[in-house]
Amino acid sequence: MILDRENAESIVGSFPTIPDPESAIARRYKAADIEIRYHKNAMLMGDDVVIATPYSVTAHVGGRYIFAASIERDDLRAISPMIGIPLRELQEEYGVRGFYGEPKVSLYGDGEKESLGVYQGLNNEDEIVSFLLSIVLDTLDEIAEPELVQKAR
């Protein structure tokens, strides 16, 4: 996904699974005219979502929320009662012991959602932040390195 940040529409309201841009902000970065917010366990914009988003970034240009990249996991506890399959059976089907499916990478922008598949990187927060920041820079065609401007206390 490549976005023209000058003409990109706000993504607010486009998908219930996009991260709330004001929720759980752990760090803020600046790269040229792009404000990038890194979120840990952000609330999502919709009410009846069946995914958990442990890590995400949101990109803002000129006050517009134009892009999000998330590492998402199916929440088996939420899915189970909706489809009437016991949790244990879902865990077997997903091949997991916990309550969440595999981490998958999703991108949101210009009214579209794109899946990049299973997250293959390390389960290390610095690695995850670096990965998500690189997606923002690639998507918005920015060469400036993001500078940390605020870290949550």
C-alpha atoms as a PDB file:
ATOM      1  CA  MET A   1       0.000   0.000   0.000  1.00  0.00           C
ATOM      2  CA  ILE A   2       1.327   3.394  -1.027  1.00  0.00           C
ATOM      3  CA  LEU A   3      -0.492   6.572   0.017  1.00  0.00           C
ATOM      4  CA  ASP A   4      -0.274  10.128  -1.235  1.00  0.00           C
ATOM      5  CA  ARG A   5      -0.249  11.807   2.152  1.00  0.00           C
ATOM      6  CA  GLU A   6      -1.235  15.196   0.716  1.00  0.00           C
ATOM      7  CA  ASN A   7      -4.489  13.841  -0.716  1.00  0.00           C
ATOM      8  CA  ALA A   8      -5.232  10.875   1.559  1.00  0.00           C
ATOM      9  CA  GLU A   9      -8.617  10.942   3.255  1.00  0.00           C
ATOM     10  CA  SER A  10      -9.014  10.493   6.994  1.00  0.00           C
ATOM     11  CA  ILE A  11      -9.578   6.834   7.871  1.00  0.00           C
ATOM     12  CA  VAL A  12     -11.814   7.610  10.856  1.00  0.00           C
ATOM     13  CA  GLY A  13     -14.971   5.542  10.467  1.00  0.00           C
ATOM     14  CA  SER A  14     -13.635   3.395   7.635  1.00  0.00           C
ATOM     15  CA  PHE A  15     -13.130   0.182   9.650  1.00  0.00           C
ATOM     16  CA  PRO A  16     -14.135  -0.834  13.193  1.00  0.00           C
ATOM     17  CA  THR A  17     -10.744  -2.509  13.669  1.00  0.00           C
ATOM     18  CA  ILE A  18      -8.582   0.598  13.270  1.00  0.00           C
ATOM     19  CA  PRO A  19      -6.866   1.738  16.462  1.00  0.00           C
ATOM     20  CA  ASP A  20      -8.338   4.691  18.312  1.00  0.00           C
ATOM     21  CA  PRO A  21      -5.673   7.356  17.672  1.00  0.00           C
ATOM     22  CA  GLU A  22      -5.967   8.754  21.222  1.00  0.00           C
ATOM     23  CA  SER A  23      -5.833   5.401  23.022  1.00  0.00           C
ATOM     24  CA  ALA A  24      -2.827   3.840  24.761  1.00  0.00           C
ATOM     25  CA  ILE A  25      -0.153   6.045  23.161  1.00  0.00           C
ATOM     26  CA  ALA A  26       3.232   4.738  24.315  1.00  0.00           C
ATOM     27  CA  ARG A  27       5.460   6.926  22.118  1.00  0.00           C
ATOM     28  CA  ARG A  28       5.218   9.746  19.600  1.00  0.00           C
ATOM     29  CA  TYR A  29       7.558  10.203  16.654  1.00  0.00           C
ATOM     30  CA  LYS A  30       7.994  12.864  13.994  1.00  0.00           C
ATOM     31  CA  ALA A  31       9.281  12.230  10.463  1.00  0.00           C
ATOM     32  CA  ALA A  32       9.109  15.323   8.247  1.00  0.00           C
ATOM     33  CA  ASP A  33       5.419  16.386   8.343  1.00  0.00           C
ATOM     34  CA  ILE A  34       4.188  13.022   9.693  1.00  0.00           C
ATOM     35  CA  GLU A  35       3.254  12.520  13.334  1.00  0.00           C
ATOM     36  CA  ILE A  36       3.492   8.829  14.198  1.00  0.00           C
ATOM     37  CA  ARG A  37       1.909   7.458  17.364  1.00  0.00           C
ATOM     38  CA  TYR A  38       2.934   4.060  18.670  1.00  0.00           C
ATOM     39  CA  HIS A  39       0.157   2.331  20.639  1.00  0.00           C
ATOM     40  CA  LYS A  40       0.257  -0.658  22.990  1.00  0.00           C
ATOM     41  CA  ASN A  41      -3.072  -2.469  23.365  1.00  0.00           C
ATOM     42  CA  ALA A  42      -5.015   0.399  21.831  1.00  0.00           C
ATOM     43  CA  MET A  43      -8.778   0.460  21.959  1.00  0.00           C
ATOM     44  CA  LEU A  44     -10.334  -0.045  18.551  1.00  0.00           C
ATOM     45  CA  MET A  45     -12.851   2.257  16.870  1.00  0.00           C
ATOM     46  CA  GLY A  46     -15.627  -0.376  16.664  1.00  0.00           C
ATOM     47  CA  ASP A  47     -17.631  -1.954  19.461  1.00  0.00           C
ATOM     48  CA  ASP A  48     -18.081  -5.558  18.354  1.00  0.00           C
ATOM     49  CA  VAL A  49     -14.578  -6.436  17.198  1.00  0.00           C
ATOM     50  CA  VAL A  50     -13.142  -9.904  17.697  1.00  0.00           C
ATOM     51  CA  ILE A  51      -9.468  -9.037  17.480  1.00  0.00           C
ATOM     52  CA  ALA A  52      -6.890  -7.749  19.916  1.00  0.00           C
ATOM     53  CA  THR A  53      -4.292  -5.243  18.770  1.00  0.00           C
ATOM     54  CA  PRO A  54      -1.245  -5.500  21.013  1.00  0.00           C
ATOM     55  CA  TYR A  55       0.866  -3.155  18.840  1.00  0.00           C
ATOM     56  CA  SER A  56      -0.027  -0.495  16.319  1.00  0.00           C
ATOM     57  CA  VAL A  57       1.046   2.812  14.838  1.00  0.00           C
ATOM     58  CA  THR A  58      -1.145   5.607  13.544  1.00  0.00           C
ATOM     59  CA  ALA A  59       0.032   8.268  11.110  1.00  0.00           C
ATOM     60  CA  HIS A  60      -1.266  11.827  11.097  1.00  0.00           C
ATOM     61  CA  VAL A  61      -0.564  14.557   8.547  1.00  0.00           C
ATOM     62  CA  GLY A  62      -1.966  18.046   8.939  1.00  0.00           C
ATOM     63  CA  GLY A  63      -4.201  16.853  11.771  1.00  0.00           C
ATOM     64  CA  ARG A  64      -5.722  14.085   9.612  1.00  0.00           C
ATOM     65  CA  TYR A  65      -5.553  10.442  10.734  1.00  0.00           C
ATOM     66  CA  ILE A  66      -4.624   8.891   7.374  1.00  0.00           C
ATOM     67  CA  PHE A  67      -2.933   5.551   8.058  1.00  0.00           C
ATOM     68  CA  ALA A  68      -2.631   2.741  10.595  1.00  0.00           C
ATOM     69  CA  ALA A  69      -0.507  -0.395  10.755  1.00  0.00           C
ATOM     70  CA  SER A  70      -1.353  -3.005  13.367  1.00  0.00           C
ATOM     71  CA  ILE A  71      -0.266  -6.352  14.642  1.00  0.00           C
ATOM     72  CA  GLU A  72      -3.595  -8.036  15.268  1.00  0.00           C
ATOM     73  CA  ARG A  73      -4.620 -11.344  16.803  1.00  0.00           C
ATOM     74  CA  ASP A  74      -7.988 -13.071  16.648  1.00  0.00           C
ATOM     75  CA  ASP A  75      -9.544 -13.080  20.132  1.00  0.00           C
ATOM     76  CA  LEU A  76     -10.810 -16.623  20.491  1.00  0.00           C
ATOM     77  CA  ARG A  77     -12.756 -15.768  23.670  1.00  0.00           C
ATOM     78  CA  ALA A  78     -14.811 -13.243  21.672  1.00  0.00           C
ATOM     79  CA  ILE A  79     -15.197 -15.471  18.611  1.00  0.00           C
ATOM     80  CA  SER A  80     -16.287 -18.606  20.486  1.00  0.00           C
ATOM     81  CA  PRO A  81     -19.725 -17.453  21.685  1.00  0.00           C
ATOM     82  CA  MET A  82     -20.410 -15.591  18.417  1.00  0.00           C
ATOM     83  CA  ILE A  83     -20.065 -18.725  16.291  1.00  0.00           C
ATOM     84  CA  GLY A  84     -21.154 -21.250  18.900  1.00  0.00           C
ATOM     85  CA  ILE A  85     -17.947 -23.278  18.973  1.00  0.00           C
ATOM     86  CA  PRO A  86     -16.406 -24.126  22.353  1.00  0.00           C
ATOM     87  CA  LEU A  87     -13.206 -22.237  23.143  1.00  0.00           C
ATOM     88  CA  ARG A  88     -11.186 -25.439  23.477  1.00  0.00           C
ATOM     89  CA  GLU A  89     -12.266 -26.544  20.026  1.00  0.00           C
ATOM     90  CA  LEU A  90     -11.263 -23.164  18.567  1.00  0.00           C
ATOM     91  CA  GLN A  91      -7.876 -23.387  20.265  1.00  0.00           C
ATOM     92  CA  GLU A  92      -7.324 -26.766  18.639  1.00  0.00           C
ATOM     93  CA  GLU A  93      -8.466 -25.433  15.275  1.00  0.00           C
ATOM     94  CA  TYR A  94      -6.109 -22.444  15.545  1.00  0.00           C
ATOM     95  CA  GLY A  95      -3.297 -24.613  16.909  1.00  0.00           C
ATOM     96  CA  VAL A  96      -2.794 -22.454  20.012  1.00  0.00           C
ATOM     97  CA  ARG A  97      -2.997 -22.979  23.756  1.00  0.00           C
ATOM     98  CA  GLY A  98      -3.802 -19.386  24.668  1.00  0.00           C
ATOM     99  CA  PHE A  99      -6.729 -17.127  23.874  1.00  0.00           C
ATOM    100  CA  TYR A 100      -5.329 -15.494  20.731  1.00  0.00           C
ATOM    101  CA  GLY A 101      -4.557 -16.542  17.170  1.00  0.00           C
ATOM    102  CA  GLU A 102      -1.297 -15.862  15.345  1.00  0.00           C
ATOM    103  CA  PRO A 103      -0.152 -12.250  15.095  1.00  0.00           C
ATOM    104  CA  LYS A 104      -1.014 -10.800  11.691  1.00  0.00           C
ATOM    105  CA  VAL A 105      -0.079  -7.471  10.140  1.00  0.00           C
ATOM    106  CA  SER A 106      -2.854  -5.243   8.796  1.00  0.00           C
ATOM    107  CA  LEU A 107      -2.627  -1.872   7.055  1.00  0.00           C
ATOM    108  CA  TYR A 108      -5.422   0.705   6.826  1.00  0.00           C
ATOM    109  CA  GLY A 109      -5.481   3.697   4.493  1.00  0.00           C
ATOM    110  CA  ASP A 110      -7.552   5.416   1.788  1.00  0.00           C
ATOM    111  CA  GLY A 111     -10.630   3.392   2.744  1.00  0.00           C
ATOM    112  CA  GLU A 112      -8.828   0.081   2.273  1.00  0.00           C
ATOM    113  CA  LYS A 113      -7.543  -2.669   4.513  1.00  0.00           C
ATOM    114  CA  GLU A 114      -4.581  -4.755   3.396  1.00  0.00           C
ATOM    115  CA  SER A 115      -3.240  -7.849   5.134  1.00  0.00           C
ATOM    116  CA  LEU A 116       0.484  -8.601   5.041  1.00  0.00           C
ATOM    117  CA  GLY A 117      -0.026 -12.005   6.645  1.00  0.00           C
ATOM    118  CA  VAL A 118       1.569 -13.460   9.752  1.00  0.00           C
ATOM    119  CA  TYR A 119       4.077 -11.281  11.611  1.00  0.00           C
ATOM    120  CA  GLN A 120       7.423 -13.060  11.226  1.00  0.00           C
ATOM    121  CA  GLY A 121       9.606 -10.749  13.318  1.00  0.00           C
ATOM    122  CA  LEU A 122      10.934 -11.089  16.819  1.00  0.00           C
ATOM    123  CA  ASN A 123       8.599 -10.700  19.775  1.00  0.00           C
ATOM    124  CA  ASN A 124      10.733  -7.860  21.104  1.00  0.00           C
ATOM    125  CA  GLU A 125       9.164  -4.421  21.525  1.00  0.00           C
ATOM    126  CA  ASP A 126      12.061  -2.491  19.969  1.00  0.00           C
ATOM    127  CA  GLU A 127      11.976  -4.806  16.951  1.00  0.00           C
ATOM    128  CA  ILE A 128       8.208  -4.427  16.638  1.00  0.00           C
ATOM    129  CA  VAL A 129       8.378  -0.611  16.856  1.00  0.00           C
ATOM    130  CA  SER A 130      11.116  -0.523  14.226  1.00  0.00           C
ATOM    131  CA  PHE A 131       9.079  -2.800  11.948  1.00  0.00           C
ATOM    132  CA  LEU A 132       5.898  -0.722  12.282  1.00  0.00           C
ATOM    133  CA  LEU A 133       7.757   2.574  11.792  1.00  0.00           C
ATOM    134  CA  SER A 134       9.349   1.232   8.608  1.00  0.00           C
ATOM    135  CA  ILE A 135       5.890   0.356   7.268  1.00  0.00           C
ATOM    136  CA  VAL A 136       4.717   3.943   7.848  1.00  0.00           C
ATOM    137  CA  LEU A 137       7.761   5.389   6.106  1.00  0.00           C
ATOM    138  CA  ASP A 138       7.436   3.023   3.136  1.00  0.00           C
ATOM    139  CA  THR A 139       3.683   3.576   2.796  1.00  0.00           C
ATOM    140  CA  LEU A 140       3.949   7.364   2.936  1.00  0.00           C
ATOM    141  CA  ASP A 141       7.144   7.429   0.853  1.00  0.00           C
ATOM    142  CA  GLU A 142       9.191   9.253   3.497  1.00  0.00           C
ATOM    143  CA  ILE A 143      12.996   9.049   3.721  1.00  0.00           C
ATOM    144  CA  ALA A 144      13.471  11.051   6.943  1.00  0.00           C
ATOM    145  CA  GLU A 145      14.192   8.927   9.991  1.00  0.00           C
ATOM    146  CA  PRO A 146      11.532   9.153  12.691  1.00  0.00           C
ATOM    147  CA  GLU A 147      12.619  11.076  15.773  1.00  0.00           C
ATOM    148  CA  LEU A 148      11.209  10.190  19.171  1.00  0.00           C
ATOM    149  CA  VAL A 149       9.446  13.271  20.556  1.00  0.00           C
ATOM    150  CA  GLN A 150       7.588  11.760  23.522  1.00  0.00           C
ATOM    151  CA  LYS A 151       7.739   8.523  25.452  1.00  0.00           C
ATOM    152  CA  ALA A 152       5.024   7.496  27.925  1.00  0.00           C
ATOM    153  CA  ARG A 153       6.104   7.603  31.531  1.00  0.00           C
END
